[in-house]
Amino acid sequence: MQRYSFRVRNGRPPPPDLTITLPDAASAKKAALAMCADLARDIVADLTTNPGWQVSVSDETGGVFYKVSVVAECC
């Protein structure tokens, strides 16, 4: 089991990282996607003032190995 840290960025001061223990990197990626799904309603409601959101996943070394981004762009 390894510890993974999840950081949410949305143009505001970031909340503290969430650190959890998971079996492997694939599980951490799935957890990041689930986190984005849980945040989706808030993300969509706030895209006009904060057009970019990102959840990044770091391993125990501190290196980011996975990112999920949601960006709103006007055409």
N, C-alpha and C. Protein backbone atom coordinates (compact mmCIF):
# COMPACT_ATOMS: atom_id res chain seq x y z
N MET A 1 0.85 -1.18 0.00
CA MET A 1 0.00 0.00 0.00
C MET A 1 0.90 1.24 0.00
N GLN A 2 0.47 2.24 -0.75
CA GLN A 2 1.21 3.49 -0.84
C GLN A 2 0.29 4.65 -0.49
N ARG A 3 0.92 5.76 -0.10
CA ARG A 3 0.15 6.97 0.20
C ARG A 3 0.17 7.87 -1.03
N TYR A 4 -1.01 8.39 -1.37
CA TYR A 4 -1.17 9.29 -2.50
C TYR A 4 -1.82 10.58 -2.01
N SER A 5 -1.36 11.70 -2.55
CA SER A 5 -1.92 13.00 -2.19
C SER A 5 -2.69 13.56 -3.37
N PHE A 6 -3.86 14.12 -3.07
CA PHE A 6 -4.74 14.70 -4.07
C PHE A 6 -4.85 16.20 -3.79
N ARG A 7 -4.60 17.02 -4.81
CA ARG A 7 -4.68 18.47 -4.66
C ARG A 7 -5.70 19.01 -5.66
N VAL A 8 -6.63 19.83 -5.15
CA VAL A 8 -7.64 20.46 -6.00
C VAL A 8 -7.24 21.92 -6.18
N ARG A 9 -7.19 22.36 -7.44
CA ARG A 9 -6.87 23.76 -7.74
C ARG A 9 -8.00 24.34 -8.57
N ASN A 10 -8.40 25.55 -8.19
CA ASN A 10 -9.49 26.19 -8.92
C ASN A 10 -9.37 27.71 -8.93
N GLY A 11 -8.17 28.23 -8.82
CA GLY A 11 -7.97 29.67 -8.85
C GLY A 11 -8.16 30.36 -7.51
N ARG A 12 -8.47 29.62 -6.51
CA ARG A 12 -8.62 30.14 -5.15
C ARG A 12 -7.53 29.53 -4.28
N PRO A 13 -7.35 30.04 -3.05
CA PRO A 13 -6.40 29.37 -2.18
C PRO A 13 -6.78 27.90 -2.03
N PRO A 14 -5.83 27.01 -2.23
CA PRO A 14 -6.17 25.58 -2.23
C PRO A 14 -6.48 25.07 -0.83
N PRO A 15 -7.43 24.13 -0.77
CA PRO A 15 -7.66 23.45 0.51
C PRO A 15 -6.47 22.54 0.78
N PRO A 16 -6.33 22.05 1.98
CA PRO A 16 -5.23 21.11 2.26
C PRO A 16 -5.34 19.88 1.35
N ASP A 17 -4.19 19.34 1.00
CA ASP A 17 -4.18 18.11 0.20
C ASP A 17 -4.86 16.99 0.98
N LEU A 18 -5.52 16.13 0.25
CA LEU A 18 -6.11 14.92 0.82
C LEU A 18 -5.11 13.80 0.58
N THR A 19 -4.67 13.13 1.62
CA THR A 19 -3.72 12.03 1.48
C THR A 19 -4.39 10.74 1.96
N ILE A 20 -4.36 9.74 1.07
CA ILE A 20 -4.97 8.45 1.42
C ILE A 20 -4.03 7.30 1.01
N THR A 21 -4.24 6.17 1.61
CA THR A 21 -3.46 4.97 1.29
C THR A 21 -4.26 4.11 0.34
N LEU A 22 -3.62 3.74 -0.77
CA LEU A 22 -4.27 2.93 -1.79
C LEU A 22 -3.30 1.84 -2.25
N PRO A 23 -3.83 0.78 -2.88
CA PRO A 23 -2.97 -0.33 -3.27
C PRO A 23 -1.97 0.00 -4.38
N ASP A 24 -2.36 0.89 -5.33
CA ASP A 24 -1.48 1.15 -6.47
C ASP A 24 -1.90 2.43 -7.19
N ALA A 25 -1.09 2.79 -8.20
CA ALA A 25 -1.33 4.02 -8.96
C ALA A 25 -2.66 3.97 -9.72
N ALA A 26 -3.05 2.81 -10.21
CA ALA A 26 -4.33 2.70 -10.92
C ALA A 26 -5.49 3.05 -9.99
N SER A 27 -5.40 2.63 -8.75
CA SER A 27 -6.45 2.96 -7.77
C SER A 27 -6.46 4.46 -7.49
N ALA A 28 -5.29 5.08 -7.48
CA ALA A 28 -5.22 6.53 -7.25
C ALA A 28 -5.85 7.29 -8.42
N LYS A 29 -5.62 6.83 -9.63
CA LYS A 29 -6.24 7.46 -10.80
C LYS A 29 -7.76 7.35 -10.73
N LYS A 30 -8.26 6.18 -10.36
CA LYS A 30 -9.70 6.00 -10.22
C LYS A 30 -10.26 6.91 -9.14
N ALA A 31 -9.53 7.06 -8.04
CA ALA A 31 -9.98 7.94 -6.95
C ALA A 31 -10.02 9.39 -7.42
N ALA A 32 -9.06 9.82 -8.23
CA ALA A 32 -9.06 11.19 -8.76
C ALA A 32 -10.27 11.43 -9.65
N LEU A 33 -10.59 10.46 -10.49
CA LEU A 33 -11.77 10.60 -11.36
C LEU A 33 -13.05 10.62 -10.54
N ALA A 34 -13.13 9.81 -9.51
CA ALA A 34 -14.31 9.81 -8.63
C ALA A 34 -14.42 11.15 -7.91
N MET A 35 -13.30 11.71 -7.50
CA MET A 35 -13.31 13.01 -6.83
C MET A 35 -13.86 14.08 -7.78
N CYS A 36 -13.43 14.05 -9.04
CA CYS A 36 -13.95 15.01 -10.02
C CYS A 36 -15.45 14.81 -10.24
N ALA A 37 -15.89 13.58 -10.27
CA ALA A 37 -17.32 13.32 -10.44
C ALA A 37 -18.10 13.89 -9.26
N ASP A 38 -17.57 13.74 -8.05
CA ASP A 38 -18.24 14.29 -6.87
C ASP A 38 -18.26 15.81 -6.88
N LEU A 39 -17.22 16.43 -7.44
CA LEU A 39 -17.13 17.89 -7.49
C LEU A 39 -17.84 18.51 -8.70
N ALA A 40 -18.31 17.69 -9.62
CA ALA A 40 -18.83 18.18 -10.89
C ALA A 40 -19.89 19.27 -10.74
N ARG A 41 -20.83 19.12 -9.86
CA ARG A 41 -21.88 20.12 -9.72
C ARG A 41 -21.29 21.46 -9.30
N ASP A 42 -20.38 21.45 -8.34
CA ASP A 42 -19.74 22.69 -7.90
C ASP A 42 -18.85 23.28 -8.98
N ILE A 43 -18.15 22.42 -9.71
CA ILE A 43 -17.28 22.89 -10.78
C ILE A 43 -18.10 23.61 -11.85
N VAL A 44 -19.17 23.00 -12.31
CA VAL A 44 -20.00 23.59 -13.36
C VAL A 44 -20.60 24.91 -12.91
N ALA A 45 -21.07 24.98 -11.69
CA ALA A 45 -21.67 26.21 -11.19
C ALA A 45 -20.65 27.34 -11.08
N ASP A 46 -19.37 27.01 -10.92
CA ASP A 46 -18.35 28.02 -10.68
C ASP A 46 -17.45 28.29 -11.89
N LEU A 47 -17.72 27.67 -13.03
CA LEU A 47 -16.85 27.84 -14.19
C LEU A 47 -16.86 29.25 -14.75
N THR A 48 -17.88 30.04 -14.49
CA THR A 48 -17.89 31.41 -15.02
C THR A 48 -16.88 32.30 -14.29
N THR A 49 -16.65 32.07 -13.01
CA THR A 49 -15.69 32.89 -12.26
C THR A 49 -14.32 32.22 -12.15
N ASN A 50 -14.27 30.93 -12.18
CA ASN A 50 -13.01 30.17 -12.13
C ASN A 50 -13.04 29.14 -13.26
N PRO A 51 -12.61 29.56 -14.47
CA PRO A 51 -12.81 28.70 -15.64
C PRO A 51 -11.94 27.46 -15.69
N GLY A 52 -11.07 27.25 -14.75
CA GLY A 52 -10.25 26.04 -14.78
C GLY A 52 -10.16 25.37 -13.43
N TRP A 53 -10.36 24.08 -13.40
CA TRP A 53 -10.23 23.26 -12.20
C TRP A 53 -9.27 22.12 -12.52
N GLN A 54 -8.54 21.70 -11.51
CA GLN A 54 -7.61 20.59 -11.72
C GLN A 54 -7.48 19.79 -10.43
N VAL A 55 -7.49 18.47 -10.58
CA VAL A 55 -7.17 17.56 -9.48
C VAL A 55 -5.88 16.86 -9.90
N SER A 56 -4.84 16.99 -9.07
CA SER A 56 -3.59 16.32 -9.38
C SER A 56 -3.30 15.29 -8.29
N VAL A 57 -2.62 14.22 -8.70
CA VAL A 57 -2.30 13.12 -7.80
C VAL A 57 -0.77 12.99 -7.73
N SER A 58 -0.26 12.98 -6.50
CA SER A 58 1.17 12.80 -6.26
C SER A 58 1.40 11.50 -5.51
N ASP A 59 2.53 10.88 -5.78
CA ASP A 59 2.88 9.67 -5.03
C ASP A 59 3.73 10.04 -3.82
N GLU A 60 4.28 9.06 -3.16
CA GLU A 60 5.04 9.29 -1.93
C GLU A 60 6.30 10.12 -2.15
N THR A 61 6.81 10.16 -3.39
CA THR A 61 8.00 10.96 -3.69
C THR A 61 7.65 12.43 -3.87
N GLY A 62 6.35 12.74 -3.98
CA GLY A 62 5.92 14.12 -4.20
C GLY A 62 5.74 14.47 -5.66
N GLY A 63 6.09 13.55 -6.54
CA GLY A 63 5.96 13.78 -7.97
C GLY A 63 4.53 13.58 -8.45
N VAL A 64 4.02 14.56 -9.21
CA VAL A 64 2.68 14.44 -9.79
C VAL A 64 2.75 13.46 -10.96
N PHE A 65 1.85 12.47 -10.96
CA PHE A 65 1.84 11.50 -12.05
C PHE A 65 0.49 11.42 -12.76
N TYR A 66 -0.50 12.17 -12.29
CA TYR A 66 -1.81 12.13 -12.94
C TYR A 66 -2.55 13.43 -12.66
N LYS A 67 -3.20 13.99 -13.70
CA LYS A 67 -4.00 15.20 -13.54
C LYS A 67 -5.31 15.05 -14.29
N VAL A 68 -6.36 15.58 -13.69
CA VAL A 68 -7.66 15.67 -14.34
C VAL A 68 -8.02 17.15 -14.35
N SER A 69 -8.32 17.69 -15.53
CA SER A 69 -8.63 19.11 -15.64
C SER A 69 -10.00 19.32 -16.25
N VAL A 70 -10.68 20.36 -15.79
CA VAL A 70 -11.95 20.81 -16.37
C VAL A 70 -11.77 22.28 -16.69
N VAL A 71 -11.97 22.64 -17.96
CA VAL A 71 -11.75 24.02 -18.39
C VAL A 71 -12.94 24.48 -19.22
N ALA A 72 -13.43 25.70 -18.93
CA ALA A 72 -14.50 26.29 -19.74
C ALA A 72 -13.88 27.37 -20.61
N GLU A 73 -14.19 27.35 -21.91
CA GLU A 73 -13.67 28.33 -22.84
C GLU A 73 -14.83 28.91 -23.64
N CYS A 74 -14.79 30.21 -23.81
CA CYS A 74 -15.78 30.87 -24.66
C CYS A 74 -15.24 30.96 -26.06
N CYS A 75 -16.11 30.80 -27.02
CA CYS A 75 -15.69 30.86 -28.42
C CYS A 75 -16.12 32.16 -29.05
